[in-house]
Amino acid sequence: MLLAAGDGLRMEPLSSSVPKPALDVLGRPLLSSALANLRRAGCAEIVANLHRHPDLVAAAARSAGGGTVAFSWEPDLLGGAGGVAAARSLLGDGDVLVGNADTWGDLDLAPVLAARADGAAVLALIPHPDPRRWSSVLLGEDGLVTRFLAPGSDDRGERFLFTGFQILTRDVVAAIPAGASAMASLWDILRRSHHLRGAVVSGCWREAGTPASYRELVIESLGRDTWIHSSAVVEEESRVERSAVGAGCKVASGATLTGCVLTAGACVGGGSELRNCVLAGPLTVTGETITDTLVVPQKRVPLRSRDNSAIRV
């Protein structure tokens, strides 16, 4: 199951223009990475839950390719565990591998599948790269989850980071009560009964939950190159360096872009100089110098960049 029904609050105001799972990453929707991880792990059938911008997210899931996706519509947001419960009729009665739609990478999830046990959930973990930034998971020698720590917590034990992937065995899925419930609440119940496990996985992982981390993901994916969608227009007298110009976007003569992401039809007029910006939606910027800013229709906010390079383990 792909959890794609979040409210996108950390991605605001970008997610008001483009839903987070559908954000363009060099011609692929953000959710395509999680879908690919699920399929590589052996999921022939996938269910995605929908809430905000459901038509756009569903279209993104279909465009990702690799097989069909069924959809579970949530008029009211149900939370991670509640979303799984609401989709039971589509999921069937087997174990369910669950992935979050706002991560990007290539993970070997085989250790998670190997660690499953009746009545348990298994979290896919990696060695923690920055406990000050993200919550931590602590494991006992037997692989059971012993504690969750808030970012910045003082603890000398070996810490792990939850990657957004987990397997819920059929008994766990069947026992989730109907209605809204957070995944953290389910984990707490399982942890207290010694049925919450962790498995350390390998591969490449990064999160893309904020506008700044989205820009960093796209720019890192470019390397030293520039990417221009086949339907975009970049006029000859413009200068575009290490930037992504998405479908329907335009860069006019006399404009300069460095380290920028244009998506969802954004346009840059002549005389503009943009550096490290994200422009999204039906808008045009002309004759301005803008740095480290998210620009969407009717609003601009600073991009608070931080080291968000891919984690390889």
C-alpha atoms as a PDB file:
ATOM      1  CA  MET A   1       0.000   0.000   0.000  1.00  0.00           C
ATOM      2  CA  LEU A   2       1.201   3.490  -0.883  1.00  0.00           C
ATOM      3  CA  LEU A   3       0.314   6.146   1.703  1.00  0.00           C
ATOM      4  CA  ALA A   4      -0.416   9.164  -0.524  1.00  0.00           C
ATOM      5  CA  ALA A   5      -3.292  10.816   1.341  1.00  0.00           C
ATOM      6  CA  GLY A   6      -1.449  13.245   3.599  1.00  0.00           C
ATOM      7  CA  ASP A   7      -2.457  16.867   3.968  1.00  0.00           C
ATOM      8  CA  GLY A   8       0.932  18.113   2.727  1.00  0.00           C
ATOM      9  CA  LEU A   9       1.301  20.734   5.448  1.00  0.00           C
ATOM     10  CA  ARG A  10       5.125  20.572   5.535  1.00  0.00           C
ATOM     11  CA  MET A  11       5.161  21.155   1.777  1.00  0.00           C
ATOM     12  CA  GLU A  12       2.938  24.249   1.938  1.00  0.00           C
ATOM     13  CA  PRO A  13       2.389  26.509   0.121  1.00  0.00           C
ATOM     14  CA  LEU A  14       3.765  24.387  -2.722  1.00  0.00           C
ATOM     15  CA  SER A  15       1.269  21.590  -2.072  1.00  0.00           C
ATOM     16  CA  SER A  16      -1.626  23.988  -2.651  1.00  0.00           C
ATOM     17  CA  SER A  17      -0.488  24.224  -6.281  1.00  0.00           C
ATOM     18  CA  VAL A  18       0.843  20.699  -6.793  1.00  0.00           C
ATOM     19  CA  PRO A  19       0.104  17.775  -4.433  1.00  0.00           C
ATOM     20  CA  LYS A  20       3.301  16.462  -2.885  1.00  0.00           C
ATOM     21  CA  PRO A  21       3.082  12.905  -4.308  1.00  0.00           C
ATOM     22  CA  ALA A  22       2.656  14.355  -7.822  1.00  0.00           C
ATOM     23  CA  LEU A  23       5.618  16.757  -7.737  1.00  0.00           C
ATOM     24  CA  ASP A  24       7.771  16.421 -10.834  1.00  0.00           C
ATOM     25  CA  VAL A  25      11.260  14.942 -10.419  1.00  0.00           C
ATOM     26  CA  LEU A  26      12.828  15.120 -13.890  1.00  0.00           C
ATOM     27  CA  GLY A  27       9.730  13.790 -15.577  1.00  0.00           C
ATOM     28  CA  ARG A  28       8.678  11.353 -12.866  1.00  0.00           C
ATOM     29  CA  PRO A  29       6.185  11.999 -10.058  1.00  0.00           C
ATOM     30  CA  LEU A  30       7.638  11.918  -6.553  1.00  0.00           C
ATOM     31  CA  LEU A  31       5.522   8.902  -5.601  1.00  0.00           C
ATOM     32  CA  SER A  32       7.078   6.845  -8.419  1.00  0.00           C
ATOM     33  CA  SER A  33      10.115   6.032  -6.279  1.00  0.00           C
ATOM     34  CA  ALA A  34       8.079   4.491  -3.460  1.00  0.00           C
ATOM     35  CA  LEU A  35       5.975   2.587  -5.999  1.00  0.00           C
ATOM     36  CA  ALA A  36       9.139   1.205  -7.583  1.00  0.00           C
ATOM     37  CA  ASN A  37      10.450   0.070  -4.186  1.00  0.00           C
ATOM     38  CA  LEU A  38       7.181  -1.738  -3.471  1.00  0.00           C
ATOM     39  CA  ARG A  39       7.195  -3.455  -6.847  1.00  0.00           C
ATOM     40  CA  ARG A  40      10.846  -4.521  -6.544  1.00  0.00           C
ATOM     41  CA  ALA A  41       9.952  -6.114  -3.215  1.00  0.00           C
ATOM     42  CA  GLY A  42       7.374  -8.283  -4.997  1.00  0.00           C
ATOM     43  CA  CYS A  43       4.098  -6.363  -4.700  1.00  0.00           C
ATOM     44  CA  ALA A  44       2.074  -7.291  -7.785  1.00  0.00           C
ATOM     45  CA  GLU A  45      -0.978  -5.365  -6.554  1.00  0.00           C
ATOM     46  CA  ILE A  46      -0.772  -1.908  -4.999  1.00  0.00           C
ATOM     47  CA  VAL A  47      -3.408   0.265  -3.355  1.00  0.00           C
ATOM     48  CA  ALA A  48      -2.870   4.011  -2.888  1.00  0.00           C
ATOM     49  CA  ASN A  49      -5.021   6.119  -0.598  1.00  0.00           C
ATOM     50  CA  LEU A  50      -6.155   9.553  -1.751  1.00  0.00           C
ATOM     51  CA  HIS A  51      -7.354  12.677   0.020  1.00  0.00           C
ATOM     52  CA  ARG A  52      -6.072  16.066  -1.154  1.00  0.00           C
ATOM     53  CA  HIS A  53      -6.039  16.700  -4.947  1.00  0.00           C
ATOM     54  CA  PRO A  54      -7.164  13.084  -5.507  1.00  0.00           C
ATOM     55  CA  ASP A  55      -7.426  13.318  -9.308  1.00  0.00           C
ATOM     56  CA  LEU A  56      -3.882  14.673  -9.652  1.00  0.00           C
ATOM     57  CA  VAL A  57      -2.385  12.083  -7.298  1.00  0.00           C
ATOM     58  CA  ALA A  58      -4.235   9.237  -9.031  1.00  0.00           C
ATOM     59  CA  ALA A  59      -3.026  10.462 -12.421  1.00  0.00           C
ATOM     60  CA  ALA A  60       0.539  10.598 -11.092  1.00  0.00           C
ATOM     61  CA  ALA A  61       0.299   7.018  -9.809  1.00  0.00           C
ATOM     62  CA  ARG A  62      -1.013   5.800 -13.150  1.00  0.00           C
ATOM     63  CA  SER A  63       1.720   7.643 -15.044  1.00  0.00           C
ATOM     64  CA  ALA A  64       4.448   6.037 -12.917  1.00  0.00           C
ATOM     65  CA  GLY A  65       4.017   2.766 -14.799  1.00  0.00           C
ATOM     66  CA  GLY A  66       5.028  -0.702 -13.708  1.00  0.00           C
ATOM     67  CA  GLY A  67       1.525  -2.043 -13.204  1.00  0.00           C
ATOM     68  CA  THR A  68      -1.964  -1.115 -12.101  1.00  0.00           C
ATOM     69  CA  VAL A  69      -2.841   0.770  -8.921  1.00  0.00           C
ATOM     70  CA  ALA A  70      -6.165   0.657  -7.087  1.00  0.00           C
ATOM     71  CA  PHE A  71      -7.321   3.664  -5.074  1.00  0.00           C
ATOM     72  CA  SER A  72      -8.890   4.140  -1.661  1.00  0.00           C
ATOM     73  CA  TRP A  73     -10.623   7.538  -1.396  1.00  0.00           C
ATOM     74  CA  GLU A  74     -10.649   9.250   2.014  1.00  0.00           C
ATOM     75  CA  PRO A  75     -13.089  12.195   2.136  1.00  0.00           C
ATOM     76  CA  ASP A  76     -11.820  12.770   5.677  1.00  0.00           C
ATOM     77  CA  LEU A  77      -8.144  12.167   6.368  1.00  0.00           C
ATOM     78  CA  LEU A  78      -7.781   8.932   8.349  1.00  0.00           C
ATOM     79  CA  GLY A  79      -4.082   8.865   9.256  1.00  0.00           C
ATOM     80  CA  GLY A  80      -1.625   6.126   8.339  1.00  0.00           C
ATOM     81  CA  ALA A  81      -3.167   3.226  10.271  1.00  0.00           C
ATOM     82  CA  GLY A  82      -6.712   4.380   9.569  1.00  0.00           C
ATOM     83  CA  GLY A  83      -5.896   4.547   5.869  1.00  0.00           C
ATOM     84  CA  VAL A  84      -4.741   0.941   5.860  1.00  0.00           C
ATOM     85  CA  ALA A  85      -7.893  -0.134   7.710  1.00  0.00           C
ATOM     86  CA  ALA A  86     -10.123   1.701   5.242  1.00  0.00           C
ATOM     87  CA  ALA A  87      -8.447  -0.081   2.326  1.00  0.00           C
ATOM     88  CA  ARG A  88      -8.822  -3.623   3.707  1.00  0.00           C
ATOM     89  CA  SER A  89     -11.403  -4.633   1.104  1.00  0.00           C
ATOM     90  CA  LEU A  90      -8.922  -3.742  -1.649  1.00  0.00           C
ATOM     91  CA  LEU A  91      -5.847  -5.160   0.077  1.00  0.00           C
ATOM     92  CA  GLY A  92      -7.193  -8.659   0.635  1.00  0.00           C
ATOM     93  CA  ASP A  93      -6.288 -10.852   3.604  1.00  0.00           C
ATOM     94  CA  GLY A  94      -2.510 -11.167   3.250  1.00  0.00           C
ATOM     95  CA  ASP A  95       0.421  -9.281   4.726  1.00  0.00           C
ATOM     96  CA  VAL A  96       0.741  -5.667   3.540  1.00  0.00           C
ATOM     97  CA  LEU A  97       3.974  -3.876   2.635  1.00  0.00           C
ATOM     98  CA  VAL A  98       3.414  -0.148   3.217  1.00  0.00           C
ATOM     99  CA  GLY A  99       5.418   2.766   1.799  1.00  0.00           C
ATOM    100  CA  ASN A 100       5.255   6.543   2.229  1.00  0.00           C
ATOM    101  CA  ALA A 101       4.900   8.569  -0.963  1.00  0.00           C
ATOM    102  CA  ASP A 102       7.266  11.387   0.056  1.00  0.00           C
ATOM    103  CA  THR A 103      10.565   9.482   0.033  1.00  0.00           C
ATOM    104  CA  TRP A 104      12.978   8.920  -2.833  1.00  0.00           C
ATOM    105  CA  GLY A 105      15.547   6.201  -3.245  1.00  0.00           C
ATOM    106  CA  ASP A 106      16.360   2.599  -3.979  1.00  0.00           C
ATOM    107  CA  LEU A 107      16.148   0.261  -0.995  1.00  0.00           C
ATOM    108  CA  ASP A 108      16.589  -3.479  -0.641  1.00  0.00           C
ATOM    109  CA  LEU A 109      13.563  -4.396   1.474  1.00  0.00           C
ATOM    110  CA  ALA A 110      14.355  -8.121   1.612  1.00  0.00           C
ATOM    111  CA  PRO A 111      15.440  -7.965   5.313  1.00  0.00           C
ATOM    112  CA  VAL A 112      12.012  -6.560   6.209  1.00  0.00           C
ATOM    113  CA  LEU A 113      10.227  -9.411   4.457  1.00  0.00           C
ATOM    114  CA  ALA A 114      12.539 -11.946   6.079  1.00  0.00           C
ATOM    115  CA  ALA A 115      11.918 -10.575   9.596  1.00  0.00           C
ATOM    116  CA  ARG A 116       8.126 -10.712   9.553  1.00  0.00           C
ATOM    117  CA  ALA A 117       6.367 -12.816  12.153  1.00  0.00           C
ATOM    118  CA  ASP A 118       2.729 -13.527  12.931  1.00  0.00           C
ATOM    119  CA  GLY A 119       0.973 -10.628  14.613  1.00  0.00           C
ATOM    120  CA  ALA A 120       3.893  -8.245  14.162  1.00  0.00           C
ATOM    121  CA  ALA A 121       4.941  -5.214  12.181  1.00  0.00           C
ATOM    122  CA  VAL A 122       8.493  -4.735  10.890  1.00  0.00           C
ATOM    123  CA  LEU A 123       9.925  -1.274  10.202  1.00  0.00           C
ATOM    124  CA  ALA A 124      12.546  -0.751   7.482  1.00  0.00           C
ATOM    125  CA  LEU A 125      15.405   1.148   9.137  1.00  0.00           C
ATOM    126  CA  ILE A 126      18.780   2.618   8.203  1.00  0.00           C
ATOM    127  CA  PRO A 127      21.614   3.759  10.497  1.00  0.00           C
ATOM    128  CA  HIS A 128      20.651   7.251  11.612  1.00  0.00           C
ATOM    129  CA  PRO A 129      22.449  10.045   9.735  1.00  0.00           C
ATOM    130  CA  ASP A 130      21.254  12.994  11.849  1.00  0.00           C
ATOM    131  CA  PRO A 131      19.388  12.362  15.139  1.00  0.00           C
ATOM    132  CA  ARG A 132      19.089  16.115  15.673  1.00  0.00           C
ATOM    133  CA  ARG A 133      16.921  16.421  12.583  1.00  0.00           C
ATOM    134  CA  TRP A 134      14.692  13.341  12.568  1.00  0.00           C
ATOM    135  CA  SER A 135      13.148  11.046  15.170  1.00  0.00           C
ATOM    136  CA  SER A 136      15.093   7.933  16.105  1.00  0.00           C
ATOM    137  CA  VAL A 137      14.241   4.276  16.602  1.00  0.00           C
ATOM    138  CA  LEU A 138      16.081   2.159  19.190  1.00  0.00           C
ATOM    139  CA  LEU A 139      16.319  -1.615  18.835  1.00  0.00           C
ATOM    140  CA  GLY A 140      17.032  -4.359  21.321  1.00  0.00           C
ATOM    141  CA  GLU A 141      19.437  -7.182  20.549  1.00  0.00           C
ATOM    142  CA  ASP A 142      16.454  -9.317  19.570  1.00  0.00           C
ATOM    143  CA  GLY A 143      15.372  -6.826  16.892  1.00  0.00           C
ATOM    144  CA  LEU A 144      12.395  -5.548  18.852  1.00  0.00           C
ATOM    145  CA  VAL A 145      11.762  -1.808  18.889  1.00  0.00           C
ATOM    146  CA  THR A 146      12.348  -0.563  22.425  1.00  0.00           C
ATOM    147  CA  ARG A 147      11.904   3.206  22.114  1.00  0.00           C
ATOM    148  CA  PHE A 148      11.183   6.107  19.814  1.00  0.00           C
ATOM    149  CA  LEU A 149      13.146   9.307  20.443  1.00  0.00           C
ATOM    150  CA  ALA A 150      12.247  12.836  19.390  1.00  0.00           C
ATOM    151  CA  PRO A 151      14.775  14.786  17.297  1.00  0.00           C
ATOM    152  CA  GLY A 152      17.632  16.061  19.439  1.00  0.00           C
ATOM    153  CA  SER A 153      17.004  13.646  22.308  1.00  0.00           C
ATOM    154  CA  ASP A 154      20.040  12.781  24.432  1.00  0.00           C
ATOM    155  CA  ASP A 155      20.682   9.060  24.231  1.00  0.00           C
ATOM    156  CA  ARG A 156      23.931   7.209  23.584  1.00  0.00           C
ATOM    157  CA  GLY A 157      22.369   4.064  22.158  1.00  0.00           C
ATOM    158  CA  GLU A 158      22.670   3.145  18.489  1.00  0.00           C
ATOM    159  CA  ARG A 159      19.926   4.939  16.629  1.00  0.00           C
ATOM    160  CA  PHE A 160      18.077   4.108  13.451  1.00  0.00           C
ATOM    161  CA  LEU A 161      15.916   6.107  11.060  1.00  0.00           C
ATOM    162  CA  PHE A 162      12.548   4.886   9.780  1.00  0.00           C
ATOM    163  CA  THR A 163      12.599   4.968   5.972  1.00  0.00           C
ATOM    164  CA  GLY A 164       8.839   5.115   5.455  1.00  0.00           C
ATOM    165  CA  PHE A 165       8.530   1.398   4.592  1.00  0.00           C
ATOM    166  CA  GLN A 166       7.145  -1.343   6.822  1.00  0.00           C
ATOM    167  CA  ILE A 167       5.320  -4.621   6.628  1.00  0.00           C
ATOM    168  CA  LEU A 168       2.131  -5.248   8.576  1.00  0.00           C
ATOM    169  CA  THR A 169       1.208  -8.905   8.858  1.00  0.00           C
ATOM    170  CA  ARG A 170      -2.348  -9.935   8.163  1.00  0.00           C
ATOM    171  CA  ASP A 171      -3.246 -10.195  11.860  1.00  0.00           C
ATOM    172  CA  VAL A 172      -2.093  -6.625  12.452  1.00  0.00           C
ATOM    173  CA  VAL A 173      -4.040  -5.301   9.463  1.00  0.00           C
ATOM    174  CA  ALA A 174      -7.191  -7.146  10.558  1.00  0.00           C
ATOM    175  CA  ALA A 175      -6.976  -5.740  14.097  1.00  0.00           C
ATOM    176  CA  ILE A 176      -6.720  -2.042  13.190  1.00  0.00           C
ATOM    177  CA  PRO A 177      -9.979  -0.383  14.270  1.00  0.00           C
ATOM    178  CA  ALA A 178     -12.058   1.405  11.648  1.00  0.00           C
ATOM    179  CA  GLY A 179     -11.867   5.184  11.648  1.00  0.00           C
ATOM    180  CA  ALA A 180      -9.044   7.669  11.945  1.00  0.00           C
ATOM    181  CA  SER A 181      -5.852   6.515  13.671  1.00  0.00           C
ATOM    182  CA  ALA A 182      -2.195   7.418  13.370  1.00  0.00           C
ATOM    183  CA  MET A 183       0.486   4.881  12.579  1.00  0.00           C
ATOM    184  CA  ALA A 184       2.325   5.957  15.741  1.00  0.00           C
ATOM    185  CA  SER A 185      -0.635   4.787  17.854  1.00  0.00           C
ATOM    186  CA  LEU A 186      -0.555   1.367  16.210  1.00  0.00           C
ATOM    187  CA  TRP A 187       3.187   1.137  16.746  1.00  0.00           C
ATOM    188  CA  ASP A 188       2.814   1.958  20.433  1.00  0.00           C
ATOM    189  CA  ILE A 189       0.326  -0.876  20.913  1.00  0.00           C
ATOM    190  CA  LEU A 190       2.572  -3.317  19.069  1.00  0.00           C
ATOM    191  CA  ARG A 191       5.709  -2.186  20.893  1.00  0.00           C
ATOM    192  CA  ARG A 192       4.111  -2.663  24.304  1.00  0.00           C
ATOM    193  CA  SER A 193       3.126  -6.225  23.384  1.00  0.00           C
ATOM    194  CA  HIS A 194       6.581  -6.972  21.900  1.00  0.00           C
ATOM    195  CA  HIS A 195       5.242  -7.208  18.346  1.00  0.00           C
ATOM    196  CA  LEU A 196       7.053  -4.264  16.761  1.00  0.00           C
ATOM    197  CA  ARG A 197      10.328  -5.157  15.098  1.00  0.00           C
ATOM    198  CA  GLY A 198      12.953  -3.378  13.025  1.00  0.00           C
ATOM    199  CA  ALA A 199      15.106  -4.585  10.161  1.00  0.00           C
ATOM    200  CA  VAL A 200      18.100  -2.671   8.837  1.00  0.00           C
ATOM    201  CA  VAL A 201      18.033  -2.278   5.054  1.00  0.00           C
ATOM    202  CA  SER A 202      20.592  -1.093   2.506  1.00  0.00           C
ATOM    203  CA  GLY A 203      20.445   1.216  -0.472  1.00  0.00           C
ATOM    204  CA  CYS A 204      19.949   4.909  -1.143  1.00  0.00           C
ATOM    205  CA  TRP A 205      17.302   7.015   0.635  1.00  0.00           C
ATOM    206  CA  ARG A 206      16.245  10.609   1.070  1.00  0.00           C
ATOM    207  CA  GLU A 207      13.122  12.405   2.194  1.00  0.00           C
ATOM    208  CA  ALA A 208      11.390  15.131   0.212  1.00  0.00           C
ATOM    209  CA  GLY A 209       8.795  16.508   2.588  1.00  0.00           C
ATOM    210  CA  THR A 210       9.442  20.260   2.340  1.00  0.00           C
ATOM    211  CA  PRO A 211       9.863  22.707  -0.569  1.00  0.00           C
ATOM    212  CA  ALA A 212      13.582  23.081   0.192  1.00  0.00           C
ATOM    213  CA  SER A 213      14.195  19.324   0.294  1.00  0.00           C
ATOM    214  CA  TYR A 214      12.205  18.928  -2.934  1.00  0.00           C
ATOM    215  CA  ARG A 215      14.444  21.449  -4.710  1.00  0.00           C
ATOM    216  CA  GLU A 216      17.554  19.759  -3.324  1.00  0.00           C
ATOM    217  CA  LEU A 217      16.316  16.351  -4.517  1.00  0.00           C
ATOM    218  CA  VAL A 218      15.776  17.605  -8.061  1.00  0.00           C
ATOM    219  CA  ILE A 219      19.066  19.499  -8.248  1.00  0.00           C
ATOM    220  CA  GLU A 220      21.061  16.579  -6.831  1.00  0.00           C
ATOM    221  CA  SER A 221      19.381  14.270  -9.367  1.00  0.00           C
ATOM    222  CA  LEU A 222      20.596  16.565 -12.150  1.00  0.00           C
ATOM    223  CA  GLY A 223      24.265  16.260 -11.250  1.00  0.00           C
ATOM    224  CA  ARG A 224      25.898  19.016 -13.283  1.00  0.00           C
ATOM    225  CA  ASP A 225      23.285  18.934 -16.015  1.00  0.00           C
ATOM    226  CA  THR A 226      20.144  20.850 -16.924  1.00  0.00           C
ATOM    227  CA  TRP A 227      16.850  19.095 -17.686  1.00  0.00           C
ATOM    228  CA  ILE A 228      14.199  20.541 -19.989  1.00  0.00           C
ATOM    229  CA  HIS A 229      10.870  18.799 -20.576  1.00  0.00           C
ATOM    230  CA  SER A 230       9.934  18.233 -24.202  1.00  0.00           C
ATOM    231  CA  SER A 231       6.915  20.547 -23.853  1.00  0.00           C
ATOM    232  CA  ALA A 232       8.860  23.358 -22.170  1.00  0.00           C
ATOM    233  CA  VAL A 233      10.125  26.427 -24.032  1.00  0.00           C
ATOM    234  CA  VAL A 234      13.611  27.778 -23.320  1.00  0.00           C
ATOM    235  CA  GLU A 235      14.484  30.624 -25.659  1.00  0.00           C
ATOM    236  CA  GLU A 236      17.969  30.879 -27.154  1.00  0.00           C
ATOM    237  CA  GLU A 237      19.119  34.059 -25.430  1.00  0.00           C
ATOM    238  CA  SER A 238      18.317  32.726 -21.949  1.00  0.00           C
ATOM    239  CA  ARG A 239      20.847  31.152 -19.586  1.00  0.00           C
ATOM    240  CA  VAL A 240      19.819  28.016 -17.697  1.00  0.00           C
ATOM    241  CA  GLU A 241      22.396  26.291 -15.498  1.00  0.00           C
ATOM    242  CA  ARG A 242      21.887  23.161 -13.393  1.00  0.00           C
ATOM    243  CA  SER A 243      18.123  23.681 -13.378  1.00  0.00           C
ATOM    244  CA  ALA A 244      14.974  21.706 -14.230  1.00  0.00           C
ATOM    245  CA  VAL A 245      12.331  23.214 -16.513  1.00  0.00           C
ATOM    246  CA  GLY A 246       9.177  21.128 -16.365  1.00  0.00           C
ATOM    247  CA  ALA A 247       6.202  20.517 -18.609  1.00  0.00           C
ATOM    248  CA  GLY A 248       4.502  23.642 -19.927  1.00  0.00           C
ATOM    249  CA  CYS A 249       7.102  25.981 -18.432  1.00  0.00           C
ATOM    250  CA  LYS A 250       8.867  28.788 -20.285  1.00  0.00           C
ATOM    251  CA  VAL A 251      12.143  30.680 -19.897  1.00  0.00           C
ATOM    252  CA  ALA A 252      12.298  33.812 -22.032  1.00  0.00           C
ATOM    253  CA  SER A 253      15.309  35.430 -23.687  1.00  0.00           C
ATOM    254  CA  GLY A 254      17.332  37.488 -21.241  1.00  0.00           C
ATOM    255  CA  ALA A 255      16.422  35.346 -18.211  1.00  0.00           C
ATOM    256  CA  THR A 256      19.025  33.566 -16.060  1.00  0.00           C
ATOM    257  CA  LEU A 257      18.323  30.486 -13.924  1.00  0.00           C
ATOM    258  CA  THR A 258      20.830  28.779 -11.642  1.00  0.00           C
ATOM    259  CA  GLY A 259      19.900  25.839  -9.414  1.00  0.00           C
ATOM    260  CA  CYS A 260      16.171  26.349  -9.983  1.00  0.00           C
ATOM    261  CA  VAL A 261      13.135  24.123 -10.454  1.00  0.00           C
ATOM    262  CA  LEU A 262      10.239  25.272 -12.651  1.00  0.00           C
ATOM    263  CA  THR A 263       7.124  23.113 -12.635  1.00  0.00           C
ATOM    264  CA  ALA A 264       3.378  23.117 -13.335  1.00  0.00           C
ATOM    265  CA  GLY A 265       3.505  25.773 -16.041  1.00  0.00           C
ATOM    266  CA  ALA A 266       5.638  28.441 -14.351  1.00  0.00           C
ATOM    267  CA  CYS A 267       7.225  31.073 -16.640  1.00  0.00           C
ATOM    268  CA  VAL A 268      10.254  33.347 -16.280  1.00  0.00           C
ATOM    269  CA  GLY A 269      10.344  36.520 -18.341  1.00  0.00           C
ATOM    270  CA  GLY A 270      13.265  38.486 -19.688  1.00  0.00           C
ATOM    271  CA  GLY A 271      15.493  40.401 -17.314  1.00  0.00           C
ATOM    272  CA  SER A 272      14.935  37.941 -14.446  1.00  0.00           C
ATOM    273  CA  GLU A 273      17.795  36.423 -12.497  1.00  0.00           C
ATOM    274  CA  LEU A 274      16.810  33.482 -10.289  1.00  0.00           C
ATOM    275  CA  ARG A 275      19.069  31.386  -8.081  1.00  0.00           C
ATOM    276  CA  ASN A 276      18.114  28.346  -5.963  1.00  0.00           C
ATOM    277  CA  CYS A 277      14.365  28.907  -6.394  1.00  0.00           C
ATOM    278  CA  VAL A 278      11.266  26.798  -6.978  1.00  0.00           C
ATOM    279  CA  LEU A 279       8.512  28.246  -9.186  1.00  0.00           C
ATOM    280  CA  ALA A 280       5.273  26.281  -9.419  1.00  0.00           C
ATOM    281  CA  GLY A 281       1.903  26.923 -10.990  1.00  0.00           C
ATOM    282  CA  PRO A 282       0.457  29.356 -13.521  1.00  0.00           C
ATOM    283  CA  LEU A 283       2.626  32.409 -12.845  1.00  0.00           C
ATOM    284  CA  THR A 284       5.148  34.647 -14.575  1.00  0.00           C
ATOM    285  CA  VAL A 285       8.156  36.378 -13.017  1.00  0.00           C
ATOM    286  CA  THR A 286       9.625  39.190 -15.098  1.00  0.00           C
ATOM    287  CA  GLY A 287      12.566  41.535 -14.502  1.00  0.00           C
ATOM    288  CA  GLU A 288      13.275  40.424 -10.928  1.00  0.00           C
ATOM    289  CA  THR A 289      16.259  39.086  -9.016  1.00  0.00           C
ATOM    290  CA  ILE A 290      15.145  36.328  -6.634  1.00  0.00           C
ATOM    291  CA  THR A 291      17.247  33.982  -4.498  1.00  0.00           C
ATOM    292  CA  ASP A 292      16.357  31.016  -2.256  1.00  0.00           C
ATOM    293  CA  THR A 293      12.610  31.487  -2.623  1.00  0.00           C
ATOM    294  CA  LEU A 294       9.527  29.392  -3.326  1.00  0.00           C
ATOM    295  CA  VAL A 295       7.249  31.249  -5.739  1.00  0.00           C
ATOM    296  CA  VAL A 296       3.669  30.080  -6.209  1.00  0.00           C
ATOM    297  CA  PRO A 297       0.595  32.029  -7.350  1.00  0.00           C
ATOM    298  CA  GLN A 298      -0.167  34.791  -4.846  1.00  0.00           C
ATOM    299  CA  LYS A 299       2.649  33.888  -2.466  1.00  0.00           C
ATOM    300  CA  ARG A 300       6.430  33.799  -1.927  1.00  0.00           C
ATOM    301  CA  VAL A 301       8.265  32.207   0.976  1.00  0.00           C
ATOM    302  CA  PRO A 302      11.976  31.716   1.756  1.00  0.00           C
ATOM    303  CA  LEU A 303      13.479  28.293   1.115  1.00  0.00           C
ATOM    304  CA  ARG A 304      15.281  27.144   4.235  1.00  0.00           C
ATOM    305  CA  SER A 305      17.918  24.905   2.758  1.00  0.00           C
ATOM    306  CA  ARG A 306      19.930  22.422   4.764  1.00  0.00           C
ATOM    307  CA  ASP A 307      22.107  19.446   3.985  1.00  0.00           C
ATOM    308  CA  ASN A 308      19.673  16.962   2.489  1.00  0.00           C
ATOM    309  CA  SER A 309      21.917  14.858   0.294  1.00  0.00           C
ATOM    310  CA  ALA A 310      20.992  11.266  -0.377  1.00  0.00           C
ATOM    311  CA  ILE A 311      21.884   8.747   2.328  1.00  0.00           C
ATOM    312  CA  ARG A 312      23.618   5.607   1.053  1.00  0.00           C
ATOM    313  CA  VAL A 313      23.954   2.619   3.349  1.00  0.00           C
END
